[in-house]
Amino acid sequence: MAQETITDLSLVFTPDFELILGKQLHARLQIDKEIRHLDR
């Protein structure tokens, strides 16, 4: 029973977690671009 609950929670949380990580990565790349642009 406990394992079923854990599986359900992972199914619920994984997409949001990946979305948040994706947004953080995208923001990081944008910051990198802006810093390089300022360095020139």
PDB file of N, CA and C in Angstrom:
ATOM      1  N   MET A   1       0.832  -1.206   0.000  1.00  0.00           N
ATOM      2  CA  MET A   1       0.000   0.000   0.000  1.00  0.00           C
ATOM      3  C   MET A   1       0.874   1.267   0.000  1.00  0.00           C
ATOM      4  N   ALA A   2       1.887   1.279   0.856  1.00  0.00           N
ATOM      5  CA  ALA A   2       2.745   2.463   0.938  1.00  0.00           C
ATOM      6  C   ALA A   2       3.468   2.697  -0.395  1.00  0.00           C
ATOM      7  N   GLN A   3       3.942   1.621  -1.019  1.00  0.00           N
ATOM      8  CA  GLN A   3       4.655   1.782  -2.290  1.00  0.00           C
ATOM      9  C   GLN A   3       3.736   2.349  -3.372  1.00  0.00           C
ATOM     10  N   GLU A   4       2.465   1.928  -3.385  1.00  0.00           N
ATOM     11  CA  GLU A   4       1.525   2.470  -4.364  1.00  0.00           C
ATOM     12  C   GLU A   4       1.389   3.987  -4.187  1.00  0.00           C
ATOM     13  N   THR A   5       1.325   4.426  -2.932  1.00  0.00           N
ATOM     14  CA  THR A   5       1.200   5.858  -2.661  1.00  0.00           C
ATOM     15  C   THR A   5       2.423   6.607  -3.173  1.00  0.00           C
ATOM     16  N   ILE A   6       3.615   6.071  -2.930  1.00  0.00           N
ATOM     17  CA  ILE A   6       4.850   6.709  -3.390  1.00  0.00           C
ATOM     18  C   ILE A   6       4.845   6.823  -4.913  1.00  0.00           C
ATOM     19  N   THR A   7       4.424   5.736  -5.581  1.00  0.00           N
ATOM     20  CA  THR A   7       4.376   5.770  -7.042  1.00  0.00           C
ATOM     21  C   THR A   7       3.418   6.854  -7.521  1.00  0.00           C
ATOM     22  N   ASP A   8       2.234   6.935  -6.901  1.00  0.00           N
ATOM     23  CA  ASP A   8       1.260   7.954  -7.288  1.00  0.00           C
ATOM     24  C   ASP A   8       1.845   9.355  -7.109  1.00  0.00           C
ATOM     25  N   LEU A   9       2.516   9.574  -5.995  1.00  0.00           N
ATOM     26  CA  LEU A   9       3.100  10.889  -5.744  1.00  0.00           C
ATOM     27  C   LEU A   9       4.163  11.214  -6.786  1.00  0.00           C
ATOM     28  N   SER A  10       4.979  10.249  -7.150  1.00  0.00           N
ATOM     29  CA  SER A  10       6.021  10.519  -8.146  1.00  0.00           C
ATOM     30  C   SER A  10       5.392  10.842  -9.494  1.00  0.00           C
ATOM     31  N   LEU A  11       4.286  10.186  -9.813  1.00  0.00           N
ATOM     32  CA  LEU A  11       3.607  10.489 -11.077  1.00  0.00           C
ATOM     33  C   LEU A  11       3.049  11.904 -11.062  1.00  0.00           C
ATOM     34  N   VAL A  12       2.591  12.343  -9.893  1.00  0.00           N
ATOM     35  CA  VAL A  12       2.027  13.693  -9.790  1.00  0.00           C
ATOM     36  C   VAL A  12       3.134  14.745  -9.820  1.00  0.00           C
ATOM     37  N   PHE A  13       4.205  14.502  -9.104  1.00  0.00           N
ATOM     38  CA  PHE A  13       5.220  15.547  -8.914  1.00  0.00           C
ATOM     39  C   PHE A  13       6.268  15.629 -10.012  1.00  0.00           C
ATOM     40  N   THR A  14       6.585  14.519 -10.663  1.00  0.00           N
ATOM     41  CA  THR A  14       7.687  14.532 -11.630  1.00  0.00           C
ATOM     42  C   THR A  14       7.525  15.575 -12.738  1.00  0.00           C
ATOM     43  N   PRO A  15       6.362  15.690 -13.400  1.00  0.00           N
ATOM     44  CA  PRO A  15       6.248  16.673 -14.477  1.00  0.00           C
ATOM     45  C   PRO A  15       6.510  18.100 -13.993  1.00  0.00           C
ATOM     46  N   ASP A  16       5.929  18.473 -12.851  1.00  0.00           N
ATOM     47  CA  ASP A  16       6.153  19.820 -12.329  1.00  0.00           C
ATOM     48  C   ASP A  16       7.631  20.036 -12.010  1.00  0.00           C
ATOM     49  N   PHE A  17       8.259  19.025 -11.425  1.00  0.00           N
ATOM     50  CA  PHE A  17       9.666  19.127 -11.061  1.00  0.00           C
ATOM     51  C   PHE A  17      10.517  19.357 -12.312  1.00  0.00           C
ATOM     52  N   GLU A  18      10.244  18.590 -13.374  1.00  0.00           N
ATOM     53  CA  GLU A  18      11.000  18.744 -14.613  1.00  0.00           C
ATOM     54  C   GLU A  18      10.734  20.110 -15.233  1.00  0.00           C
ATOM     55  N   LEU A  19       9.493  20.576 -15.128  1.00  0.00           N
ATOM     56  CA  LEU A  19       9.151  21.891 -15.683  1.00  0.00           C
ATOM     57  C   LEU A  19       9.927  22.987 -14.957  1.00  0.00           C
ATOM     58  N   ILE A  20       9.986  22.887 -13.628  1.00  0.00           N
ATOM     59  CA  ILE A  20      10.728  23.887 -12.843  1.00  0.00           C
ATOM     60  C   ILE A  20      12.209  23.847 -13.207  1.00  0.00           C
ATOM     61  N   LEU A  21      12.776  22.647 -13.310  1.00  0.00           N
ATOM     62  CA  LEU A  21      14.191  22.533 -13.670  1.00  0.00           C
ATOM     63  C   LEU A  21      14.429  23.111 -15.053  1.00  0.00           C
ATOM     64  N   GLY A  22      13.516  22.828 -15.979  1.00  0.00           N
ATOM     65  CA  GLY A  22      13.653  23.348 -17.337  1.00  0.00           C
ATOM     66  C   GLY A  22      13.647  24.872 -17.346  1.00  0.00           C
ATOM     67  N   LYS A  23      12.763  25.470 -16.548  1.00  0.00           N
ATOM     68  CA  LYS A  23      12.689  26.929 -16.492  1.00  0.00           C
ATOM     69  C   LYS A  23      13.971  27.505 -15.894  1.00  0.00           C
ATOM     70  N   GLN A  24      14.497  26.848 -14.848  1.00  0.00           N
ATOM     71  CA  GLN A  24      15.741  27.329 -14.232  1.00  0.00           C
ATOM     72  C   GLN A  24      16.889  27.254 -15.236  1.00  0.00           C
ATOM     73  N   LEU A  25      16.956  26.141 -15.983  1.00  0.00           N
ATOM     74  CA  LEU A  25      18.018  25.972 -16.973  1.00  0.00           C
ATOM     75  C   LEU A  25      17.894  27.035 -18.052  1.00  0.00           C
ATOM     76  N   HIS A  26      16.681  27.279 -18.517  1.00  0.00           N
ATOM     77  CA  HIS A  26      16.459  28.282 -19.554  1.00  0.00           C
ATOM     78  C   HIS A  26      16.891  29.668 -19.057  1.00  0.00           C
ATOM     79  N   ALA A  27      16.511  29.989 -17.827  1.00  0.00           N
ATOM     80  CA  ALA A  27      16.886  31.283 -17.253  1.00  0.00           C
ATOM     81  C   ALA A  27      18.405  31.404 -17.155  1.00  0.00           C
ATOM     82  N   ARG A  28      19.061  30.305 -16.775  1.00  0.00           N
ATOM     83  CA  ARG A  28      20.520  30.309 -16.682  1.00  0.00           C
ATOM     84  C   ARG A  28      21.147  30.609 -18.029  1.00  0.00           C
ATOM     85  N   LEU A  29      20.627  29.964 -19.075  1.00  0.00           N
ATOM     86  CA  LEU A  29      21.178  30.176 -20.415  1.00  0.00           C
ATOM     87  C   LEU A  29      20.974  31.624 -20.845  1.00  0.00           C
ATOM     88  N   GLN A  30      19.815  32.196 -20.532  1.00  0.00           N
ATOM     89  CA  GLN A  30      19.550  33.594 -20.885  1.00  0.00           C
ATOM     90  C   GLN A  30      20.549  34.508 -20.182  1.00  0.00           C
ATOM     91  N   ILE A  31      20.802  34.246 -18.901  1.00  0.00           N
ATOM     92  CA  ILE A  31      21.752  35.066 -18.135  1.00  0.00           C
ATOM     93  C   ILE A  31      23.147  34.953 -18.751  1.00  0.00           C
ATOM     94  N   ASP A  32      23.537  33.723 -19.129  1.00  0.00           N
ATOM     95  CA  ASP A  32      24.839  33.527 -19.769  1.00  0.00           C
ATOM     96  C   ASP A  32      24.953  34.358 -21.040  1.00  0.00           C
ATOM     97  N   LYS A  33      23.911  34.345 -21.854  1.00  0.00           N
ATOM     98  CA  LYS A  33      23.928  35.122 -23.103  1.00  0.00           C
ATOM     99  C   LYS A  33      24.096  36.596 -22.803  1.00  0.00           C
ATOM    100  N   GLU A  34      23.355  37.095 -21.821  1.00  0.00           N
ATOM    101  CA  GLU A  34      23.417  38.519 -21.519  1.00  0.00           C
ATOM    102  C   GLU A  34      24.797  38.906 -21.000  1.00  0.00           C
ATOM    103  N   ILE A  35      25.399  38.040 -20.177  1.00  0.00           N
ATOM    104  CA  ILE A  35      26.735  38.335 -19.643  1.00  0.00           C
ATOM    105  C   ILE A  35      27.736  38.375 -20.797  1.00  0.00           C
ATOM    106  N   ARG A  36      27.656  37.408 -21.707  1.00  0.00           N
ATOM    107  CA  ARG A  36      28.588  37.396 -22.843  1.00  0.00           C
ATOM    108  C   ARG A  36      28.391  38.637 -23.696  1.00  0.00           C
ATOM    109  N   HIS A  37      27.149  39.051 -23.863  1.00  0.00           N
ATOM    110  CA  HIS A  37      26.857  40.235 -24.665  1.00  0.00           C
ATOM    111  C   HIS A  37      27.482  41.473 -24.006  1.00  0.00           C
ATOM    112  N   LEU A  38      27.425  41.550 -22.672  1.00  0.00           N
ATOM    113  CA  LEU A  38      28.006  42.689 -21.966  1.00  0.00           C
ATOM    114  C   LEU A  38      29.534  42.649 -22.036  1.00  0.00           C
ATOM    115  N   ASP A  39      30.101  41.438 -22.043  1.00  0.00           N
ATOM    116  CA  ASP A  39      31.563  41.324 -22.072  1.00  0.00           C
ATOM    117  C   ASP A  39      32.156  41.865 -23.368  1.00  0.00           C
ATOM    118  N   ARG A  40      31.415  41.771 -24.462  1.00  0.00           N
ATOM    119  CA  ARG A  40      31.976  42.170 -25.754  1.00  0.00           C
ATOM    120  C   ARG A  40      32.322  43.637 -25.841  1.00  0.00           C
TER     121      ARG A  40
END
